[in-house]
Amino acid sequence: MDIRQLRYFASIVEQGSFSRAAATLRVAQPALSLHVRNMEADLGTSLLFRSPKGVVPTEAGQILLRNARIILDQLTIAEDELRGHDSEPAGEVRLGLPSTFGQILAVPLIMAARSRYPKIKLRVAETMSGFAVEWICDARIDLAVVYHDLNERSVEVTHVLDEELVCFGPVDALGDFDLPKADRPISYDHIANLPLILPGGRNGFRDLIERYAANSGVTLNTIIEVDSHSNIKDLVRAGVGYSILSMNSIADEVKSGQVRYWRIGRPPLKRPVYLVHSINRPITNAVAAMKFLVLEVMHDLARKGSLVRTTIIGESAA
């Protein structure tokens, strides 16, 4: 038996007539009769009985009709779900975010996802860029925001933003470093004289800072290495030294007057922000929808200034 035969059989019983079923299905009546005979031959039993009141199912026919209706109804449900799949994505999507971006992006993104894609269950996990590829390859997350271009064939990388990094220090002057005014940029030569508190040497963020410094012909004076941004900020507030972080990382401290900062000039120190996902497994409609929503929300936050001192790739500085 096949789906077409089940449809024909159910229509004959519902119409109570081969001729009416043929007209409804737009199938020649002899073809319907042939399908029923083939079904009866395959099953080894009679399925229909021609009574004075029309065609009625036999006991075997009633069993087939009951199951045929279940099968046909389920097929209709499956067809409806597939047709609506693109227009209404559903399922779970797991997103990895670094802590700084998570504090800014997570809530607006979750609210946008709930409003636009109510059938998507978004799970947000805090992750470090260094572990993002491992988590994606292990299928622990579907998407991740990372701070360095991952030279991996297993992931697709989208450059979303450039985030400006700034030099910051304690409110009270620490030593005689002849620091510029807050509205003036600080040079790499000047930064090289400061006692710096930076992430460890095998950190992508540290590599970026050292590369900019080397290109400017200076060597940084790193007195303490700490991989925790919160600890770096605590040490700077305590007057131990200066540091370099993104403006988004220290925005609250700057606003509350706990630290002061200087933009770095010639060239400005910028960190790229990427969105990545695996290319080794099919991307579901839910993941595809969430990928574009993440891009949209990040761009929107940058335009509104919630992500401060960022440049949207392809647009002017925000």
Protein backbone atom coordinates (compact mmCIF):
# COMPACT_ATOMS: atom_id res chain seq x y z
CA MET A 1 0.00 0.00 0.00
CA ASP A 2 0.99 3.61 -0.49
CA ILE A 3 -0.36 7.01 0.61
CA ARG A 4 -2.28 7.48 -2.64
CA GLN A 5 -4.14 4.18 -2.17
CA LEU A 6 -5.01 5.10 1.41
CA ARG A 7 -6.40 8.45 0.24
CA TYR A 8 -8.45 6.75 -2.48
CA PHE A 9 -9.81 4.15 -0.06
CA ALA A 10 -10.76 6.72 2.59
CA SER A 11 -12.52 8.88 0.00
CA ILE A 12 -14.56 5.94 -1.35
CA VAL A 13 -15.78 5.12 2.17
CA GLU A 14 -16.50 8.75 3.04
CA GLN A 15 -18.41 9.33 -0.22
CA GLY A 16 -20.11 5.91 -0.07
CA SER A 17 -19.67 5.59 -3.81
CA PHE A 18 -16.94 4.88 -6.34
CA SER A 19 -18.41 7.41 -8.77
CA ARG A 20 -18.64 10.27 -6.23
CA ALA A 21 -15.14 9.50 -4.97
CA ALA A 22 -13.83 9.50 -8.53
CA ALA A 23 -15.41 12.91 -9.13
CA THR A 24 -14.02 14.32 -5.87
CA LEU A 25 -10.53 12.95 -6.49
CA ARG A 26 -10.67 13.69 -10.24
CA VAL A 27 -9.63 10.13 -10.95
CA ALA A 28 -11.25 7.77 -13.43
CA GLN A 29 -13.62 5.33 -11.71
CA PRO A 30 -12.00 2.23 -13.27
CA ALA A 31 -8.65 3.36 -11.82
CA LEU A 32 -10.19 3.55 -8.33
CA SER A 33 -11.67 0.09 -8.68
CA LEU A 34 -8.30 -1.25 -9.79
CA HIS A 35 -6.53 0.28 -6.78
CA VAL A 36 -9.03 -1.31 -4.38
CA ARG A 37 -8.67 -4.73 -6.06
CA ASN A 38 -4.87 -4.46 -5.80
CA MET A 39 -5.11 -3.57 -2.10
CA GLU A 40 -7.46 -6.47 -1.41
CA ALA A 41 -5.13 -8.82 -3.28
CA ASP A 42 -2.09 -7.61 -1.33
CA LEU A 43 -3.86 -7.86 2.04
CA GLY A 44 -5.68 -11.10 1.24
CA THR A 45 -9.05 -9.84 2.41
CA SER A 46 -12.11 -7.96 1.19
CA LEU A 47 -12.20 -4.29 2.15
CA LEU A 48 -15.44 -2.96 0.67
CA PHE A 49 -19.01 -4.23 0.36
CA ARG A 50 -21.50 -2.86 -2.16
CA SER A 51 -24.82 -2.57 -0.30
CA PRO A 52 -28.14 -1.11 -1.49
CA LYS A 53 -27.24 2.06 0.43
CA GLY A 54 -23.84 2.36 -1.24
CA VAL A 55 -20.29 1.18 -0.62
CA VAL A 56 -19.48 0.35 3.01
CA PRO A 57 -16.31 -1.04 4.57
CA THR A 58 -16.06 -4.64 5.71
CA GLU A 59 -14.70 -5.42 9.15
CA ALA A 60 -11.18 -5.47 7.66
CA GLY A 61 -12.02 -2.29 5.78
CA GLN A 62 -13.01 -0.55 9.04
CA ILE A 63 -9.63 -1.47 10.54
CA LEU A 64 -7.86 -0.11 7.49
CA LEU A 65 -10.00 3.05 7.49
CA ARG A 66 -9.23 3.78 11.15
CA ASN A 67 -5.50 3.48 10.59
CA ALA A 68 -5.64 5.26 7.23
CA ARG A 69 -7.21 8.31 8.86
CA ILE A 70 -4.49 8.37 11.55
CA ILE A 71 -1.76 8.08 8.90
CA LEU A 72 -3.30 10.71 6.63
CA ASP A 73 -3.92 13.12 9.52
CA GLN A 74 -0.32 12.73 10.71
CA LEU A 75 0.93 13.30 7.17
CA THR A 76 -1.10 16.53 6.99
CA ILE A 77 0.36 17.68 10.30
CA ALA A 78 3.88 16.93 9.06
CA GLU A 79 3.24 18.83 5.81
CA ASP A 80 1.88 21.84 7.72
CA GLU A 81 4.86 21.86 10.07
CA LEU A 82 7.31 21.69 7.17
CA ARG A 83 5.54 24.44 5.24
CA GLY A 84 5.61 26.68 8.32
CA HIS A 85 9.16 25.72 9.25
CA ASP A 86 10.84 28.66 7.55
CA SER A 87 8.28 31.21 8.68
CA GLU A 88 8.26 30.14 12.34
CA PRO A 89 11.57 28.59 13.46
CA ALA A 90 11.42 26.42 16.56
CA GLY A 91 13.85 24.54 18.79
CA GLU A 92 16.75 25.18 21.13
CA VAL A 93 19.67 27.48 20.30
CA ARG A 94 22.74 27.69 22.55
CA LEU A 95 24.79 30.88 22.39
CA GLY A 96 28.21 31.46 23.96
CA LEU A 97 29.04 35.02 25.02
CA PRO A 98 32.16 36.52 26.63
CA SER A 99 31.38 38.10 30.00
CA THR A 100 31.62 41.74 28.91
CA PHE A 101 29.36 41.28 25.92
CA GLY A 102 27.07 39.03 27.90
CA GLN A 103 26.33 41.81 30.38
CA ILE A 104 25.28 44.14 27.56
CA LEU A 105 23.87 41.81 24.91
CA ALA A 106 22.14 38.97 26.76
CA VAL A 107 19.01 40.69 28.07
CA PRO A 108 18.14 42.69 24.89
CA LEU A 109 18.76 39.56 22.81
CA ILE A 110 16.60 37.32 24.99
CA MET A 111 13.78 39.87 24.92
CA ALA A 112 14.02 40.21 21.13
CA ALA A 113 14.05 36.41 20.71
CA ARG A 114 10.99 35.96 22.92
CA SER A 115 9.10 38.57 20.92
CA ARG A 116 10.10 37.53 17.41
CA TYR A 117 10.63 33.77 17.76
CA PRO A 118 8.46 32.50 20.64
CA LYS A 119 9.08 28.88 19.62
CA ILE A 120 12.86 29.21 19.95
CA LYS A 121 14.35 28.38 23.33
CA LEU A 122 17.51 30.47 23.67
CA ARG A 123 20.18 29.35 26.13
CA VAL A 124 23.02 31.80 26.85
CA ALA A 125 26.29 30.55 28.34
CA GLU A 126 29.34 32.58 29.36
CA THR A 127 32.41 31.39 27.49
CA MET A 128 35.95 32.56 26.81
CA SER A 129 37.02 33.00 23.19
CA GLY A 130 39.71 30.36 23.60
CA PHE A 131 37.14 27.69 24.38
CA ALA A 132 34.53 28.76 21.82
CA VAL A 133 35.71 26.53 18.95
CA GLU A 134 36.04 23.53 21.24
CA TRP A 135 32.50 24.05 22.54
CA ILE A 136 31.11 24.51 19.03
CA CYS A 137 32.92 21.44 17.67
CA ASP A 138 31.65 19.41 20.65
CA ALA A 139 28.11 20.68 19.91
CA ARG A 140 27.89 22.25 23.36
CA ILE A 141 26.91 25.57 21.76
CA ASP A 142 25.57 26.52 18.32
CA LEU A 143 26.81 30.12 18.06
CA ALA A 144 29.48 32.15 19.83
CA VAL A 145 30.71 35.73 20.02
CA VAL A 146 34.52 35.78 20.10
CA TYR A 147 37.26 38.39 20.09
CA HIS A 148 39.74 36.90 17.65
CA ASP A 149 39.58 35.51 14.13
CA LEU A 150 39.51 31.75 14.51
CA ASN A 151 41.77 30.15 11.94
CA GLU A 152 39.67 27.01 11.91
CA ARG A 153 38.14 25.27 8.92
CA SER A 154 35.39 23.87 11.13
CA VAL A 155 33.69 27.23 11.74
CA GLU A 156 32.26 30.08 9.71
CA VAL A 157 33.38 33.49 10.97
CA THR A 158 31.45 36.77 10.57
CA HIS A 159 33.26 40.00 11.46
CA VAL A 160 30.55 42.04 13.22
CA LEU A 161 32.16 44.95 15.08
CA ASP A 162 35.44 46.60 15.98
CA GLU A 163 35.58 47.55 19.66
CA GLU A 164 37.87 50.37 20.77
CA LEU A 165 40.30 49.69 23.62
CA VAL A 166 41.33 52.46 26.00
CA CYS A 167 44.00 53.04 28.60
CA PHE A 168 42.65 53.67 32.10
CA GLY A 169 44.01 54.33 35.53
CA PRO A 170 43.17 55.35 39.10
CA VAL A 171 41.46 58.67 39.74
CA ASP A 172 44.40 59.94 41.79
CA ALA A 173 47.66 60.31 39.88
CA LEU A 174 50.04 57.40 40.30
CA GLY A 175 53.62 58.63 39.96
CA ASP A 176 54.89 61.45 37.77
CA PHE A 177 53.92 60.27 34.31
CA ASP A 178 52.77 63.62 32.89
CA LEU A 179 49.48 62.12 31.71
CA PRO A 180 47.47 63.98 29.07
CA LYS A 181 44.12 65.53 29.85
CA ALA A 182 41.09 63.24 29.70
CA ASP A 183 39.95 64.67 26.37
CA ARG A 184 43.32 64.07 24.70
CA PRO A 185 44.56 60.72 23.34
CA ILE A 186 47.51 58.98 24.89
CA SER A 187 50.39 57.81 22.69
CA TYR A 188 51.99 54.37 22.66
CA ASP A 189 55.27 55.97 23.78
CA HIS A 190 53.45 57.33 26.82
CA ILE A 191 51.74 54.01 27.56
CA ALA A 192 55.13 52.25 27.43
CA ASN A 193 56.22 54.25 30.51
CA LEU A 194 53.21 53.25 32.62
CA PRO A 195 53.20 50.32 35.07
CA LEU A 196 50.66 48.07 33.35
CA ILE A 197 48.38 45.33 34.64
CA LEU A 198 47.48 43.09 31.68
CA PRO A 199 46.16 39.60 30.94
CA GLY A 200 48.66 36.76 30.73
CA GLY A 201 51.08 36.32 27.84
CA ARG A 202 49.16 33.44 26.18
CA ASN A 203 45.99 35.49 25.95
CA GLY A 204 44.64 36.64 22.56
CA PHE A 205 43.80 40.02 24.04
CA ARG A 206 47.36 40.43 25.34
CA ASP A 207 48.77 39.37 21.95
CA LEU A 208 46.70 42.07 20.27
CA ILE A 209 47.98 44.79 22.62
CA GLU A 210 51.60 43.66 22.27
CA ARG A 211 51.27 43.60 18.47
CA TYR A 212 50.02 47.19 18.35
CA ALA A 213 52.81 48.26 20.69
CA ALA A 214 55.47 46.49 18.63
CA ASN A 215 54.16 48.08 15.43
CA SER A 216 54.58 51.45 17.15
CA GLY A 217 58.15 50.58 18.15
CA VAL A 218 57.62 50.37 21.92
CA THR A 219 57.88 47.70 24.62
CA LEU A 220 55.23 47.65 27.33
CA ASN A 221 56.09 47.73 31.04
CA THR A 222 53.86 44.97 32.39
CA ILE A 223 54.23 44.67 36.16
CA ILE A 224 51.32 42.28 36.88
CA GLU A 225 49.57 39.66 34.75
CA VAL A 226 45.95 38.85 35.64
CA ASP A 227 43.48 37.06 33.38
CA SER A 228 40.37 38.35 35.16
CA HIS A 229 38.99 41.69 33.96
CA SER A 230 37.29 42.30 37.31
CA ASN A 231 40.58 41.76 39.15
CA ILE A 232 42.39 44.09 36.73
CA LYS A 233 39.84 46.82 37.44
CA ASP A 234 40.09 46.25 41.20
CA LEU A 235 43.89 46.62 41.07
CA VAL A 236 43.67 49.78 38.98
CA ARG A 237 41.09 51.31 41.35
CA ALA A 238 43.44 50.46 44.24
CA GLY A 239 46.19 52.51 42.58
CA VAL A 240 48.50 49.59 41.76
CA GLY A 241 48.87 50.48 38.08
CA TYR A 242 47.24 51.20 34.74
CA SER A 243 45.66 48.90 32.21
CA ILE A 244 44.07 48.57 28.78
CA LEU A 245 40.56 47.20 28.33
CA SER A 246 37.60 47.87 26.09
CA MET A 247 35.53 50.95 26.84
CA ASN A 248 32.56 48.61 27.30
CA SER A 249 34.44 46.78 30.05
CA ILE A 250 35.00 49.91 32.14
CA ALA A 251 31.92 51.99 31.21
CA ASP A 252 30.31 51.61 34.64
CA GLU A 253 33.52 52.49 36.49
CA VAL A 254 34.05 55.56 34.30
CA LYS A 255 30.46 56.70 34.78
CA SER A 256 30.69 56.37 38.57
CA GLY A 257 34.04 58.20 38.68
CA GLN A 258 36.04 55.22 39.95
CA VAL A 259 38.63 55.39 37.15
CA ARG A 260 39.70 57.77 34.43
CA TYR A 261 40.57 56.81 30.88
CA TRP A 262 42.35 57.99 27.74
CA ARG A 263 41.69 57.04 24.15
CA ILE A 264 44.73 55.56 22.45
CA GLY A 265 45.78 57.31 19.27
CA ARG A 266 47.73 56.82 16.09
CA PRO A 267 46.56 54.20 15.40
CA PRO A 268 43.54 53.66 17.67
CA LEU A 269 43.71 50.29 19.42
CA LYS A 270 40.73 48.21 18.26
CA ARG A 271 39.62 44.66 18.95
CA PRO A 272 37.53 42.83 16.34
CA VAL A 273 34.36 41.04 17.45
CA TYR A 274 33.23 37.97 15.52
CA LEU A 275 30.19 35.70 15.43
CA VAL A 276 30.99 32.05 14.66
CA HIS A 277 29.12 28.80 14.07
CA SER A 278 30.04 25.29 12.96
CA ILE A 279 30.08 24.31 9.29
CA ASN A 280 30.40 20.59 10.08
CA ARG A 281 26.74 20.07 10.88
CA PRO A 282 23.57 21.39 9.23
CA ILE A 283 22.44 24.77 10.51
CA THR A 284 18.83 24.58 11.65
CA ASN A 285 16.29 27.27 10.85
CA ALA A 286 16.29 28.22 14.54
CA VAL A 287 20.08 28.69 14.59
CA ALA A 288 20.00 30.61 11.29
CA ALA A 289 17.25 32.89 12.62
CA MET A 290 19.12 33.49 15.87
CA LYS A 291 22.36 34.21 14.02
CA PHE A 292 20.74 37.08 12.13
CA LEU A 293 18.98 38.28 15.27
CA VAL A 294 22.30 38.40 17.18
CA LEU A 295 23.80 40.49 14.36
CA GLU A 296 20.77 42.77 14.34
CA VAL A 297 20.77 43.31 18.12
CA MET A 298 24.53 43.91 18.25
CA HIS A 299 24.31 46.49 15.47
CA ASP A 300 21.32 48.13 17.15
CA LEU A 301 23.14 48.36 20.50
CA ALA A 302 26.17 49.89 18.78
CA ARG A 303 24.03 52.49 16.98
CA LYS A 304 22.22 53.42 20.20
CA GLY A 305 25.45 53.70 22.17
CA SER A 306 24.83 50.80 24.54
CA LEU A 307 27.95 49.26 23.04
CA VAL A 308 30.21 52.28 23.33
CA ARG A 309 33.05 53.20 21.00
CA THR A 310 32.34 50.46 18.53
CA THR A 311 32.48 50.43 14.76
CA ILE A 312 29.92 48.40 12.84
CA ILE A 313 31.74 46.71 9.98
CA GLY A 314 30.78 48.59 6.86
CA GLU A 315 29.61 51.67 8.75
CA SER A 316 31.26 54.70 10.35
CA ALA A 317 32.38 54.70 14.00
CA ALA A 318 29.73 54.58 16.72
